[in-house]
């Protein structure tokens, strides 16, 4: 489970066995968890995150989108 970004208490990571799926990211913080597709952006699920936290996660992903996509391809296309 490579962690690719930690910011504002959120942990952004991949599961190593999910390379056959389109690029996506998992996010955890304080018992809440989410899965988001990176391109195009959409929520798969967001369990336990408030609407404000969901907006913050979306903003972080938008700000770091290129980095997250690069890390996805780097990890899964080894």
N, C-alpha and C. Protein backbone atom coordinates (compact mmCIF):
# COMPACT_ATOMS: atom_id res chain seq x y z
N UNK A 1 0.84 -1.17 0.00
CA UNK A 1 0.00 0.00 0.00
C UNK A 1 0.89 1.24 0.00
N UNK A 2 1.31 1.70 -1.16
CA UNK A 2 2.17 2.89 -1.19
C UNK A 2 1.40 4.17 -0.87
N UNK A 3 1.86 4.88 0.14
CA UNK A 3 1.30 6.19 0.48
C UNK A 3 2.01 7.20 -0.40
N UNK A 4 1.24 7.98 -1.15
CA UNK A 4 1.84 8.91 -2.10
C UNK A 4 1.74 10.37 -1.69
N UNK A 5 0.88 10.65 -0.69
CA UNK A 5 0.73 12.03 -0.25
C UNK A 5 0.11 12.05 1.14
N UNK A 6 0.67 12.88 2.00
CA UNK A 6 0.08 13.16 3.32
C UNK A 6 -0.03 14.67 3.42
N UNK A 7 -1.25 15.13 3.61
CA UNK A 7 -1.47 16.57 3.68
C UNK A 7 -2.73 16.85 4.48
N UNK A 8 -2.66 17.84 5.36
CA UNK A 8 -3.79 18.26 6.20
C UNK A 8 -4.42 17.09 6.96
N UNK A 9 -3.61 16.13 7.33
CA UNK A 9 -4.10 14.97 8.07
C UNK A 9 -4.69 13.87 7.22
N UNK A 10 -4.79 14.08 5.90
CA UNK A 10 -5.31 13.07 4.98
C UNK A 10 -4.15 12.21 4.47
N UNK A 11 -4.41 10.94 4.33
CA UNK A 11 -3.42 10.01 3.76
C UNK A 11 -3.97 9.54 2.42
N UNK A 12 -3.22 9.79 1.35
CA UNK A 12 -3.59 9.40 -0.01
C UNK A 12 -2.70 8.22 -0.42
N UNK A 13 -3.33 7.15 -0.88
CA UNK A 13 -2.55 5.94 -1.16
C UNK A 13 -3.23 5.08 -2.23
N UNK A 14 -2.44 4.12 -2.73
CA UNK A 14 -2.92 3.10 -3.67
C UNK A 14 -2.87 1.75 -2.97
N UNK A 15 -3.68 0.83 -3.42
CA UNK A 15 -3.51 -0.58 -3.07
C UNK A 15 -2.71 -1.22 -4.20
N UNK A 16 -1.70 -1.97 -3.86
CA UNK A 16 -0.79 -2.52 -4.85
C UNK A 16 -1.44 -3.51 -5.80
N UNK A 17 -2.57 -4.09 -5.44
CA UNK A 17 -3.20 -5.09 -6.29
C UNK A 17 -4.32 -4.51 -7.16
N UNK A 18 -4.37 -3.21 -7.33
CA UNK A 18 -5.45 -2.59 -8.10
C UNK A 18 -4.98 -1.94 -9.39
N UNK A 19 -3.86 -2.37 -9.91
CA UNK A 19 -3.34 -1.78 -11.14
C UNK A 19 -4.15 -2.09 -12.37
N UNK A 20 -5.07 -3.05 -12.28
CA UNK A 20 -5.92 -3.37 -13.44
C UNK A 20 -7.13 -2.44 -13.51
N UNK A 21 -7.30 -1.56 -12.53
CA UNK A 21 -8.38 -0.58 -12.55
C UNK A 21 -7.85 0.75 -13.11
N UNK A 22 -8.75 1.61 -13.55
CA UNK A 22 -8.30 2.95 -13.98
C UNK A 22 -7.66 3.69 -12.81
N UNK A 23 -6.86 4.72 -13.10
CA UNK A 23 -6.19 5.47 -12.03
C UNK A 23 -7.18 6.00 -10.99
N UNK A 24 -6.87 5.71 -9.74
CA UNK A 24 -7.70 6.17 -8.63
C UNK A 24 -6.85 6.27 -7.37
N UNK A 25 -7.42 6.88 -6.35
CA UNK A 25 -6.71 7.09 -5.10
C UNK A 25 -7.64 6.76 -3.94
N UNK A 26 -7.07 6.25 -2.88
CA UNK A 26 -7.79 6.04 -1.63
C UNK A 26 -7.35 7.12 -0.66
N UNK A 27 -8.28 7.55 0.20
CA UNK A 27 -7.99 8.60 1.17
C UNK A 27 -8.55 8.17 2.53
N UNK A 28 -7.74 8.32 3.57
CA UNK A 28 -8.18 8.03 4.93
C UNK A 28 -7.85 9.20 5.83
N UNK A 29 -8.70 9.38 6.84
CA UNK A 29 -8.42 10.34 7.91
C UNK A 29 -9.38 10.05 9.05
N UNK A 30 -8.84 9.79 10.22
CA UNK A 30 -9.64 9.65 11.42
C UNK A 30 -10.78 8.66 11.32
N UNK A 31 -10.56 7.52 10.70
CA UNK A 31 -11.59 6.50 10.58
C UNK A 31 -12.49 6.64 9.37
N UNK A 32 -12.43 7.76 8.67
CA UNK A 32 -13.19 7.95 7.43
C UNK A 32 -12.34 7.45 6.26
N UNK A 33 -13.00 7.02 5.19
CA UNK A 33 -12.28 6.48 4.04
C UNK A 33 -13.02 6.83 2.75
N UNK A 34 -12.26 6.97 1.68
CA UNK A 34 -12.84 7.30 0.38
C UNK A 34 -12.02 6.67 -0.74
N UNK A 35 -12.67 6.50 -1.88
CA UNK A 35 -12.00 6.07 -3.11
C UNK A 35 -12.49 7.00 -4.21
N UNK A 36 -11.53 7.53 -4.97
CA UNK A 36 -11.86 8.49 -6.01
C UNK A 36 -11.15 8.14 -7.30
N UNK A 37 -11.85 8.22 -8.39
CA UNK A 37 -11.26 8.05 -9.72
C UNK A 37 -10.59 9.37 -10.08
N UNK A 38 -9.41 9.28 -10.65
CA UNK A 38 -8.62 10.48 -10.92
C UNK A 38 -8.90 11.11 -12.28
N UNK A 39 -9.30 10.32 -13.25
CA UNK A 39 -9.47 10.88 -14.59
C UNK A 39 -10.54 10.12 -15.36
N UNK A 40 -11.73 10.68 -15.48
CA UNK A 40 -12.16 11.95 -14.91
C UNK A 40 -12.43 11.79 -13.42
N UNK A 41 -12.36 12.91 -12.70
CA UNK A 41 -12.59 12.90 -11.26
C UNK A 41 -14.03 12.52 -10.96
N UNK A 42 -14.18 11.54 -10.07
CA UNK A 42 -15.50 11.23 -9.52
C UNK A 42 -15.31 10.37 -8.28
N UNK A 43 -16.28 10.46 -7.40
CA UNK A 43 -16.25 9.70 -6.16
C UNK A 43 -16.75 8.29 -6.40
N UNK A 44 -16.04 7.30 -5.92
CA UNK A 44 -16.55 5.93 -5.87
C UNK A 44 -17.33 5.77 -4.56
N UNK A 45 -16.72 6.25 -3.46
CA UNK A 45 -17.41 6.30 -2.18
C UNK A 45 -16.66 7.27 -1.26
N UNK A 46 -17.36 7.76 -0.27
CA UNK A 46 -16.76 8.65 0.73
C UNK A 46 -17.47 8.37 2.05
N UNK A 47 -16.99 7.40 2.78
CA UNK A 47 -17.62 6.98 4.03
C UNK A 47 -17.03 7.70 5.22
N UNK A 48 -17.87 8.51 5.87
CA UNK A 48 -17.45 9.18 7.10
C UNK A 48 -16.89 10.58 6.92
N UNK A 49 -16.67 11.02 5.69
CA UNK A 49 -16.17 12.38 5.46
C UNK A 49 -17.33 13.36 5.39
N UNK A 50 -17.18 14.50 6.04
CA UNK A 50 -18.17 15.56 5.97
C UNK A 50 -18.14 16.21 4.60
N UNK A 51 -19.18 16.95 4.23
CA UNK A 51 -19.13 17.68 2.95
C UNK A 51 -17.93 18.62 2.87
N UNK A 52 -17.58 19.27 3.98
CA UNK A 52 -16.41 20.17 3.97
C UNK A 52 -15.13 19.39 3.72
N UNK A 53 -14.98 18.22 4.33
CA UNK A 53 -13.80 17.39 4.10
C UNK A 53 -13.77 16.89 2.66
N UNK A 54 -14.92 16.55 2.11
CA UNK A 54 -14.97 16.11 0.72
C UNK A 54 -14.52 17.23 -0.22
N UNK A 55 -14.94 18.46 0.05
CA UNK A 55 -14.49 19.59 -0.77
C UNK A 55 -12.98 19.76 -0.65
N UNK A 56 -12.44 19.60 0.57
CA UNK A 56 -11.01 19.74 0.79
C UNK A 56 -10.24 18.65 0.04
N UNK A 57 -10.74 17.42 0.09
CA UNK A 57 -10.10 16.31 -0.64
C UNK A 57 -10.09 16.61 -2.13
N UNK A 58 -11.21 17.06 -2.64
CA UNK A 58 -11.28 17.38 -4.08
C UNK A 58 -10.27 18.47 -4.44
N UNK A 59 -10.17 19.51 -3.61
CA UNK A 59 -9.20 20.58 -3.86
C UNK A 59 -7.77 20.05 -3.84
N UNK A 60 -7.45 19.19 -2.88
CA UNK A 60 -6.11 18.62 -2.80
C UNK A 60 -5.81 17.80 -4.05
N UNK A 61 -6.77 17.00 -4.47
CA UNK A 61 -6.57 16.19 -5.67
C UNK A 61 -6.38 17.07 -6.90
N UNK A 62 -7.15 18.14 -7.01
CA UNK A 62 -7.00 19.05 -8.14
C UNK A 62 -5.61 19.70 -8.13
N UNK A 63 -5.14 20.09 -6.94
CA UNK A 63 -3.84 20.74 -6.82
C UNK A 63 -2.68 19.78 -7.11
N UNK A 64 -2.86 18.50 -6.82
CA UNK A 64 -1.79 17.51 -6.95
C UNK A 64 -2.08 16.47 -8.02
N UNK A 65 -3.00 16.78 -8.92
CA UNK A 65 -3.47 15.79 -9.90
C UNK A 65 -2.31 15.24 -10.74
N UNK A 66 -1.49 16.10 -11.28
CA UNK A 66 -0.38 15.64 -12.13
C UNK A 66 0.56 14.73 -11.35
N UNK A 67 0.86 15.09 -10.12
CA UNK A 67 1.74 14.28 -9.27
C UNK A 67 1.11 12.91 -8.98
N UNK A 68 -0.18 12.89 -8.64
CA UNK A 68 -0.86 11.63 -8.34
C UNK A 68 -0.90 10.72 -9.57
N UNK A 69 -1.19 11.30 -10.73
CA UNK A 69 -1.23 10.50 -11.96
C UNK A 69 0.16 9.95 -12.28
N UNK A 70 1.18 10.77 -12.13
CA UNK A 70 2.55 10.32 -12.39
C UNK A 70 2.94 9.18 -11.46
N UNK A 71 2.58 9.30 -10.18
CA UNK A 71 2.91 8.24 -9.23
C UNK A 71 2.12 6.97 -9.52
N UNK A 72 0.88 7.10 -9.95
CA UNK A 72 0.08 5.93 -10.34
C UNK A 72 0.80 5.18 -11.46
N UNK A 73 1.14 5.91 -12.53
CA UNK A 73 1.78 5.27 -13.68
C UNK A 73 3.16 4.72 -13.33
N UNK A 74 3.90 5.44 -12.53
CA UNK A 74 5.21 4.97 -12.11
C UNK A 74 5.10 3.66 -11.33
N UNK A 75 4.15 3.58 -10.43
CA UNK A 75 4.01 2.39 -9.60
C UNK A 75 3.46 1.19 -10.37
N UNK A 76 2.42 1.41 -11.15
CA UNK A 76 1.74 0.29 -11.79
C UNK A 76 2.30 -0.11 -13.14
N UNK A 77 3.15 0.72 -13.72
CA UNK A 77 3.71 0.37 -15.03
C UNK A 77 5.19 0.03 -14.93
N UNK A 78 5.59 -0.50 -13.79
CA UNK A 78 7.00 -0.88 -13.57
C UNK A 78 7.37 -2.03 -14.47
